Amino acid sequence: MDEKKFVDIGISLELQNGLQKLNIIQPTQIQQQVIPAILSDADVIGRSETGSGKTFAYLLPLFQKIDLELRKTQIIILTPTHELAAQVQKQIELLCEKSEIDIRSALIIGSASMTRQIEKLKQKPHIVVGSAGRILDLIQKKKIAAHTVKTIVLDEGDRLLDPLNIDAVKAVIKTTLKQRQLVVLSATIDSETIQKAKSIMKSNVIEIAIKHSMMPKLISHYYILSERREKFILLRKIIAGEKPAKAIVFLNNVENIAVTVDKLCYHGIKADGIYGKAYKTERQNALEKFRQGNVNVLVSSDIGARGLDIEGVTHIINLDIPEEPVYYLHRAGRTGRNGVEGKVISIVTNYEKRWLHKYEKKWNIVIEQKQKAYGKL
């Protein structure tokens, strides 16, 4: 593909100036294809690896499509997790600030005060971002005017169209006008998800799939064999030896997160955790401390960390191994971003080792075995 600039793909001077302030000069591959597609008013299904710039791929053209004179909700952005919604909201605020554009947005998620959200909605935000359940609730209460919505974005669309979320998502879409635009983006979209998306889209769907490997190339992959009862001891050894600037430790069972955090803190490691059952403020505080470097180890489940974009994550440590290759991809994608190298280290039992071969085959990677040690891998 020819190298293009933002001006070549229809981005306004205001937004270009804002992007320059963020040191973003060149559109990524997914942005080069998605931005013109969204500007053309077509429905869009896009797939590209984690860290490839998907959020700005839809925010930039949508900013241009908003009628600033119309103080009504024109864009709804749905996300599968509250953390991802908060992250998208921050990107919206950042783009507004740097571009000096008066676009208003509201974060609407299930764990927050509905009374406060209704107060925000009285300011007539152009963009509503959040969870399908709460947004649907407020549409039904006539606090969000769905008939003025021009575009709905499904960020991490594979999750939003899975059996747990699809009914609420469809219900939100049905409240909007038939001629609205639907944009579905994710790092992983299989044929089943594409069919589900097309069933609720218009006829002129543009499908975009960036063909390069979805696994970021700057990531090194390792595994260490361990007895199950020794996994935590090995985790401590890895942290002591690697001295990660920022590491995310993944568990499968959310019930074990708090215990793991407590054990790490007991041994003098600055750690915190995020997981579905924590209060919203606790999760936000944990993420903020991790971003600021006040803690350097974040313990999470797949649900908690899906879609998180935190700068400077150097290590991913799988204390529990995911059984599905897609979850390995999403975990790994938290590191190796923006030209910075990263490591993924999996602590596995002999039984769990079988899953590693699936990951190698699926993502065309080599996962190298290392020995237990206090030194660096």
Protein backbone atom coordinates (compact mmCIF):
# COMPACT_ATOMS: atom_id res chain seq x y z
CA MET A 1 0.00 0.00 0.00
CA ASP A 2 1.28 3.52 -0.88
CA GLU A 3 2.24 5.71 2.06
CA LYS A 4 -0.51 8.26 2.58
CA LYS A 5 -0.92 11.30 4.77
CA PHE A 6 -4.05 12.20 6.72
CA VAL A 7 -4.85 14.92 4.18
CA ASP A 8 -4.93 12.26 1.43
CA ILE A 9 -7.67 10.28 3.18
CA GLY A 10 -9.98 13.20 3.85
CA ILE A 11 -9.03 14.34 7.37
CA SER A 12 -9.61 18.04 8.10
CA LEU A 13 -6.87 20.57 8.85
CA GLU A 14 -8.17 20.99 12.41
CA LEU A 15 -7.78 17.31 13.14
CA GLN A 16 -4.41 17.13 11.35
CA ASN A 17 -3.12 19.93 13.60
CA GLY A 18 -4.44 18.07 16.66
CA LEU A 19 -2.73 14.85 15.56
CA GLN A 20 0.57 16.68 15.04
CA LYS A 21 0.42 17.84 18.67
CA LEU A 22 0.16 14.15 19.59
CA ASN A 23 3.14 13.35 17.30
CA ILE A 24 0.87 11.36 14.98
CA ILE A 25 1.90 12.22 11.43
CA GLN A 26 1.27 9.12 9.34
CA PRO A 27 -1.97 7.11 9.31
CA THR A 28 -1.61 3.41 10.08
CA GLN A 29 -2.74 0.78 7.58
CA ILE A 30 -6.11 0.28 9.25
CA GLN A 31 -6.66 4.06 9.40
CA GLN A 32 -5.81 4.44 5.70
CA GLN A 33 -8.62 2.04 4.82
CA VAL A 34 -11.24 2.57 7.53
CA ILE A 35 -11.32 6.39 7.52
CA PRO A 36 -12.40 6.79 3.84
CA ALA A 37 -14.88 3.91 4.26
CA ILE A 38 -16.57 5.58 7.25
CA LEU A 39 -16.57 8.97 5.50
CA SER A 40 -18.38 7.34 2.55
CA ASP A 41 -21.30 6.45 4.92
CA ALA A 42 -20.93 2.72 4.22
CA ASP A 43 -21.27 0.11 6.96
CA VAL A 44 -17.79 -1.15 7.85
CA ILE A 45 -16.32 -4.37 9.27
CA GLY A 46 -12.63 -3.96 10.09
CA ARG A 47 -9.98 -6.25 11.55
CA SER A 48 -6.46 -5.29 12.51
CA GLU A 49 -3.95 -6.32 15.14
CA THR A 50 -3.93 -4.85 18.63
CA GLY A 51 -2.14 -1.52 18.90
CA SER A 52 -2.72 -0.64 15.22
CA GLY A 53 -4.71 2.55 15.82
CA LYS A 54 -8.29 1.28 15.51
CA THR A 55 -9.75 3.84 17.96
CA PHE A 56 -8.58 6.85 15.93
CA ALA A 57 -9.55 4.95 12.76
CA TYR A 58 -13.19 5.49 13.70
CA LEU A 59 -12.97 8.64 15.88
CA LEU A 60 -11.32 10.81 13.23
CA PRO A 61 -13.95 10.37 10.49
CA LEU A 62 -16.80 10.45 13.01
CA PHE A 63 -15.57 13.78 14.40
CA GLN A 64 -15.89 15.15 10.87
CA LYS A 65 -19.38 13.73 10.39
CA ILE A 66 -20.78 15.37 13.53
CA ASP A 67 -23.00 18.41 13.00
CA LEU A 68 -21.76 20.76 15.73
CA GLU A 69 -24.86 22.94 15.37
CA LEU A 70 -27.13 20.01 16.24
CA ARG A 71 -27.03 19.54 20.03
CA LYS A 72 -28.22 15.95 19.88
CA THR A 73 -26.57 12.53 20.25
CA GLN A 74 -25.24 11.59 16.82
CA ILE A 75 -22.76 8.81 17.64
CA ILE A 76 -23.06 5.80 19.97
CA ILE A 77 -19.89 3.82 20.71
CA LEU A 78 -20.47 0.46 22.42
CA THR A 79 -17.71 -1.44 24.24
CA PRO A 80 -17.69 -4.82 26.05
CA THR A 81 -15.95 -3.51 29.20
CA HIS A 82 -16.17 -0.39 31.33
CA GLU A 83 -12.40 0.07 31.18
CA LEU A 84 -12.40 0.16 27.38
CA ALA A 85 -15.30 2.64 27.41
CA ALA A 86 -13.35 4.92 29.80
CA GLN A 87 -10.29 4.61 27.57
CA VAL A 88 -12.26 5.61 24.45
CA GLN A 89 -13.74 8.55 26.35
CA LYS A 90 -10.19 9.71 27.23
CA GLN A 91 -9.19 9.50 23.56
CA ILE A 92 -12.23 11.59 22.59
CA GLU A 93 -11.34 14.24 25.19
CA LEU A 94 -7.70 14.24 24.07
CA LEU A 95 -8.61 14.65 20.39
CA CYS A 96 -11.03 17.47 21.25
CA GLU A 97 -8.42 19.27 23.34
CA LYS A 98 -5.58 19.01 20.83
CA SER A 99 -7.77 19.81 17.82
CA GLU A 100 -9.69 22.58 19.64
CA ILE A 101 -13.02 21.14 18.51
CA ASP A 102 -16.07 21.56 20.74
CA ILE A 103 -17.45 18.03 20.53
CA ARG A 104 -19.14 16.87 23.73
CA SER A 105 -19.27 13.27 24.88
CA ALA A 106 -20.68 11.30 27.81
CA LEU A 107 -19.43 8.08 29.39
CA ILE A 108 -22.44 5.87 30.15
CA ILE A 109 -21.59 2.62 31.95
CA GLY A 110 -23.58 0.31 34.20
CA SER A 111 -21.55 0.64 37.39
CA ALA A 112 -21.82 4.45 37.61
CA SER A 113 -24.56 6.64 39.08
CA MET A 114 -27.50 6.89 36.68
CA THR A 115 -28.55 10.21 38.25
CA ARG A 116 -25.20 11.77 37.34
CA GLN A 117 -25.35 10.29 33.87
CA ILE A 118 -28.82 11.80 33.31
CA GLU A 119 -27.38 15.18 34.34
CA LYS A 120 -24.58 14.75 31.77
CA LEU A 121 -27.11 13.84 29.10
CA LYS A 122 -28.98 17.11 29.72
CA GLN A 123 -25.93 18.80 28.15
CA LYS A 124 -26.86 17.08 24.87
CA PRO A 125 -23.56 15.29 24.10
CA HIS A 126 -22.74 14.57 20.46
CA ILE A 127 -21.18 11.20 21.38
CA VAL A 128 -22.32 8.61 23.93
CA VAL A 129 -19.79 5.88 24.75
CA GLY A 130 -20.34 2.93 27.07
CA SER A 131 -22.11 -0.35 27.74
CA ALA A 132 -25.12 -1.53 25.75
CA GLY A 133 -27.26 -2.37 28.80
CA ARG A 134 -27.07 1.06 30.46
CA ILE A 135 -27.34 2.96 27.17
CA LEU A 136 -30.44 0.93 26.22
CA ASP A 137 -31.94 1.67 29.63
CA LEU A 138 -31.46 5.41 29.15
CA ILE A 139 -32.83 5.29 25.60
CA GLN A 140 -35.96 3.57 26.93
CA LYS A 141 -36.22 6.25 29.66
CA LYS A 142 -36.04 8.82 26.82
CA LYS A 143 -32.85 10.36 28.22
CA ILE A 144 -30.94 9.56 25.01
CA ALA A 145 -32.63 10.52 21.73
CA ALA A 146 -31.82 7.52 19.53
CA HIS A 147 -33.64 8.91 16.46
CA THR A 148 -30.82 11.45 15.90
CA VAL A 149 -28.03 8.83 16.00
CA LYS A 150 -26.17 8.65 12.68
CA THR A 151 -23.52 6.03 13.49
CA ILE A 152 -23.09 3.16 15.94
CA VAL A 153 -19.60 1.73 16.56
CA LEU A 154 -19.05 -1.73 18.03
CA ASP A 155 -15.51 -1.54 19.46
CA GLU A 156 -14.18 -5.08 20.07
CA GLY A 157 -17.08 -6.21 17.92
CA ASP A 158 -16.39 -9.94 18.32
CA ARG A 159 -17.13 -9.64 22.03
CA LEU A 160 -20.19 -7.44 21.54
CA LEU A 161 -21.69 -9.90 19.06
CA ASP A 162 -21.09 -12.96 21.25
CA PRO A 163 -24.06 -14.72 22.93
CA LEU A 164 -23.64 -12.75 26.18
CA ASN A 165 -23.91 -9.31 24.58
CA ILE A 166 -25.63 -9.57 21.20
CA ASP A 167 -29.24 -9.17 22.42
CA ALA A 168 -28.53 -5.87 24.20
CA VAL A 169 -26.49 -4.62 21.23
CA LYS A 170 -29.27 -5.47 18.77
CA ALA A 171 -31.80 -3.77 21.04
CA VAL A 172 -29.77 -0.53 21.01
CA ILE A 173 -29.40 -0.66 17.21
CA LYS A 174 -33.15 -1.20 16.74
CA THR A 175 -33.93 2.04 18.58
CA THR A 176 -32.06 4.07 15.90
CA LEU A 177 -33.16 4.97 12.39
CA LYS A 178 -32.77 2.33 9.65
CA GLN A 179 -30.42 4.48 7.57
CA ARG A 180 -27.86 4.73 10.37
CA GLN A 181 -24.27 3.59 9.80
CA LEU A 182 -22.82 0.59 11.66
CA VAL A 183 -19.05 0.15 12.22
CA VAL A 184 -17.64 -3.09 13.68
CA LEU A 185 -13.93 -3.22 14.58
CA SER A 186 -11.75 -5.71 16.46
CA ALA A 187 -8.41 -7.49 16.46
CA THR A 188 -10.19 -10.80 15.85
CA ILE A 189 -13.27 -11.21 13.71
CA ASP A 190 -14.16 -14.68 12.46
CA SER A 191 -16.64 -15.66 9.75
CA GLU A 192 -19.44 -16.20 12.29
CA THR A 193 -19.01 -12.66 13.67
CA ILE A 194 -18.99 -11.26 10.12
CA GLN A 195 -22.29 -13.00 9.37
CA LYS A 196 -23.84 -11.70 12.60
CA ALA A 197 -22.68 -8.18 11.76
CA LYS A 198 -23.98 -8.33 8.19
CA SER A 199 -27.39 -9.49 9.43
CA ILE A 200 -27.88 -6.10 11.12
CA MET A 201 -26.13 -3.99 8.47
CA LYS A 202 -27.15 -2.32 5.25
CA SER A 203 -26.35 -3.93 1.90
CA ASN A 204 -23.24 -1.85 1.09
CA VAL A 205 -20.83 -3.34 3.64
CA ILE A 206 -17.10 -2.65 3.27
CA GLU A 207 -14.93 -5.40 4.77
CA ILE A 208 -11.37 -4.50 5.69
CA ALA A 209 -8.80 -6.99 6.96
CA ILE A 210 -5.17 -6.00 7.35
CA LYS A 211 -3.34 -9.04 6.04
CA HIS A 212 -0.16 -8.93 8.11
CA SER A 213 0.25 -11.14 11.16
CA MET A 214 -2.10 -10.04 13.91
CA MET A 215 0.56 -10.71 16.54
CA PRO A 216 2.82 -7.64 17.00
CA LYS A 217 6.30 -8.51 15.76
CA LEU A 218 8.27 -6.86 18.56
CA ILE A 219 7.14 -9.45 21.12
CA SER A 220 9.33 -12.33 22.33
CA HIS A 221 7.46 -15.39 23.62
CA TYR A 222 8.73 -17.71 26.38
CA TYR A 223 7.42 -20.42 28.65
CA ILE A 224 8.69 -22.00 31.86
CA LEU A 225 7.54 -25.39 33.13
CA SER A 226 6.31 -25.49 36.73
CA GLU A 227 4.33 -27.58 39.16
CA ARG A 228 1.01 -25.88 39.86
CA ARG A 229 1.83 -25.34 43.56
CA GLU A 230 5.10 -23.60 42.62
CA LYS A 231 3.65 -21.13 40.13
CA PHE A 232 3.50 -18.18 42.51
CA ILE A 233 7.09 -18.72 43.66
CA LEU A 234 8.15 -18.73 40.02
CA LEU A 235 6.16 -15.56 39.36
CA ARG A 236 8.12 -13.81 42.12
CA LYS A 237 11.41 -15.06 40.63
CA ILE A 238 10.48 -13.74 37.19
CA ILE A 239 9.57 -10.31 38.58
CA ALA A 240 12.80 -10.22 40.64
CA GLY A 241 14.92 -11.21 37.64
CA GLU A 242 13.23 -9.24 34.88
CA LYS A 243 12.52 -6.10 36.96
CA PRO A 244 9.69 -5.09 34.60
CA ALA A 245 8.85 -1.40 34.23
CA LYS A 246 5.21 -2.42 33.81
CA ALA A 247 3.91 -6.01 33.84
CA ILE A 248 0.40 -7.42 33.55
CA VAL A 249 -0.13 -10.82 35.21
CA PHE A 250 -3.07 -12.78 33.81
CA LEU A 251 -5.26 -15.26 35.71
CA ASN A 252 -8.25 -17.21 34.42
CA ASN A 253 -10.17 -17.22 37.70
CA VAL A 254 -11.19 -13.75 38.92
CA GLU A 255 -11.58 -15.13 42.44
CA ASN A 256 -7.78 -15.53 42.67
CA ILE A 257 -6.89 -11.95 41.70
CA ALA A 258 -7.22 -10.34 45.14
CA VAL A 259 -5.26 -13.17 46.78
CA THR A 260 -2.46 -12.87 44.21
CA VAL A 261 -2.27 -9.09 44.67
CA ASP A 262 -2.10 -9.49 48.46
CA LYS A 263 0.71 -12.08 48.18
CA LEU A 264 2.73 -9.89 45.81
CA CYS A 265 2.36 -6.85 48.09
CA TYR A 266 3.36 -8.97 51.11
CA HIS A 267 6.61 -9.80 49.33
CA GLY A 268 7.35 -6.13 48.65
CA ILE A 269 6.15 -6.00 45.04
CA LYS A 270 4.07 -2.94 44.10
CA ALA A 271 0.95 -4.57 42.70
CA ASP A 272 -2.77 -3.93 42.19
CA GLY A 273 -5.59 -5.73 40.42
CA ILE A 274 -8.57 -5.16 38.13
CA TYR A 275 -11.48 -7.54 37.79
CA GLY A 276 -15.17 -7.51 37.07
CA LYS A 277 -16.48 -7.54 40.63
CA ALA A 278 -14.43 -4.57 41.86
CA TYR A 279 -16.16 -1.24 42.26
CA LYS A 280 -15.72 1.13 39.30
CA THR A 281 -13.63 3.59 41.36
CA GLU A 282 -11.34 0.78 42.56
CA ARG A 283 -10.70 -0.38 39.01
CA GLN A 284 -10.05 3.17 37.81
CA ASN A 285 -7.69 3.82 40.72
CA ALA A 286 -5.77 0.61 40.00
CA LEU A 287 -5.40 1.49 36.31
CA GLU A 288 -4.35 5.05 37.09
CA LYS A 289 -1.71 3.89 39.57
CA PHE A 290 -0.40 1.46 36.94
CA ARG A 291 -0.34 4.15 34.23
CA GLN A 292 1.49 6.60 36.51
CA GLY A 293 4.00 3.94 37.60
CA ASN A 294 2.96 3.94 41.27
CA VAL A 295 2.50 0.18 40.88
CA ASN A 296 4.42 -1.81 38.29
CA VAL A 297 2.49 -5.09 38.38
CA LEU A 298 -1.19 -5.25 37.43
CA VAL A 299 -3.07 -8.52 38.03
CA SER A 300 -6.08 -9.06 35.77
CA SER A 301 -8.48 -11.45 34.09
CA ASP A 302 -9.14 -11.44 30.34
CA ILE A 303 -12.38 -9.52 30.86
CA GLY A 304 -10.65 -6.83 32.90
CA ALA A 305 -7.84 -6.17 30.45
CA ARG A 306 -9.60 -6.53 27.08
CA GLY A 307 -8.87 -3.50 24.95
CA LEU A 308 -6.69 -1.71 27.51
CA ASP A 309 -4.14 0.60 25.92
CA ILE A 310 -1.49 1.42 28.53
CA GLU A 311 1.84 2.82 27.40
CA GLY A 312 5.06 1.18 28.46
CA VAL A 313 3.87 -2.37 29.28
CA THR A 314 7.08 -4.39 28.97
CA HIS A 315 5.96 -7.81 30.21
CA ILE A 316 2.89 -10.04 30.04
CA ILE A 317 3.03 -12.97 32.45
CA ASN A 318 0.48 -15.77 32.09
CA LEU A 319 0.15 -17.30 35.54
CA ASP A 320 -2.80 -19.23 34.10
CA ILE A 321 -2.71 -20.24 30.47
CA PRO A 322 -5.75 -19.37 28.31
CA GLU A 323 -7.26 -22.32 26.45
CA GLU A 324 -8.23 -20.27 23.37
CA PRO A 325 -5.63 -18.76 21.02
CA VAL A 326 -7.62 -15.52 20.72
CA TYR A 327 -7.12 -14.79 24.42
CA TYR A 328 -3.38 -15.35 24.09
CA LEU A 329 -3.41 -12.77 21.28
CA HIS A 330 -5.31 -10.20 23.32
CA ARG A 331 -3.07 -10.69 26.34
CA ALA A 332 0.11 -10.46 24.26
CA GLY A 333 -1.21 -7.37 22.49
CA ARG A 334 -0.95 -5.30 25.67
CA THR A 335 2.84 -5.16 25.09
CA GLY A 336 5.08 -4.68 22.04
CA ARG A 337 3.25 -1.49 21.04
CA ASN A 338 4.41 1.73 19.39
CA GLY A 339 7.79 0.32 18.43
CA VAL A 340 8.71 -0.83 21.95
CA GLU A 341 9.81 -4.45 22.49
CA GLY A 342 7.87 -6.67 24.88
CA LYS A 343 7.97 -10.15 26.43
CA VAL A 344 5.23 -12.69 27.02
CA ILE A 345 6.15 -15.28 29.64
CA SER A 346 3.81 -18.21 30.31
CA ILE A 347 4.18 -20.32 33.45
CA VAL A 348 2.75 -23.72 32.51
CA THR A 349 2.37 -27.22 33.87
CA ASN A 350 3.18 -30.22 31.69
CA TYR A 351 -0.55 -30.60 31.08
CA GLU A 352 -1.00 -26.96 30.07
CA LYS A 353 1.97 -27.06 27.69
CA ARG A 354 -0.27 -28.58 25.01
CA TRP A 355 -2.01 -25.22 24.52
CA LEU A 356 1.23 -23.52 23.52
CA HIS A 357 1.40 -25.53 20.28
CA LYS A 358 -2.03 -24.14 19.33
CA TYR A 359 -0.79 -20.58 19.86
CA GLU A 360 2.36 -21.17 17.81
CA LYS A 361 0.40 -22.60 14.91
CA LYS A 362 -2.40 -20.04 15.03
CA TRP A 363 -0.23 -16.90 15.30
CA ASN A 364 2.88 -18.14 13.49
CA ILE A 365 5.15 -17.58 16.48
CA VAL A 366 7.83 -19.53 18.37
CA ILE A 367 7.42 -19.87 22.14
CA GLU A 368 10.87 -20.63 23.53
CA GLN A 369 11.35 -22.68 26.69
CA LYS A 370 13.39 -21.10 29.51
CA GLN A 371 14.58 -22.46 32.85
CA LYS A 372 13.65 -21.25 36.33
CA ALA A 373 16.07 -18.57 37.50
CA TYR A 374 16.36 -15.36 39.44
CA GLY A 375 18.20 -13.74 36.51
CA LYS A 376 16.72 -12.23 33.34
CA LEU A 377 15.32 -14.63 30.74
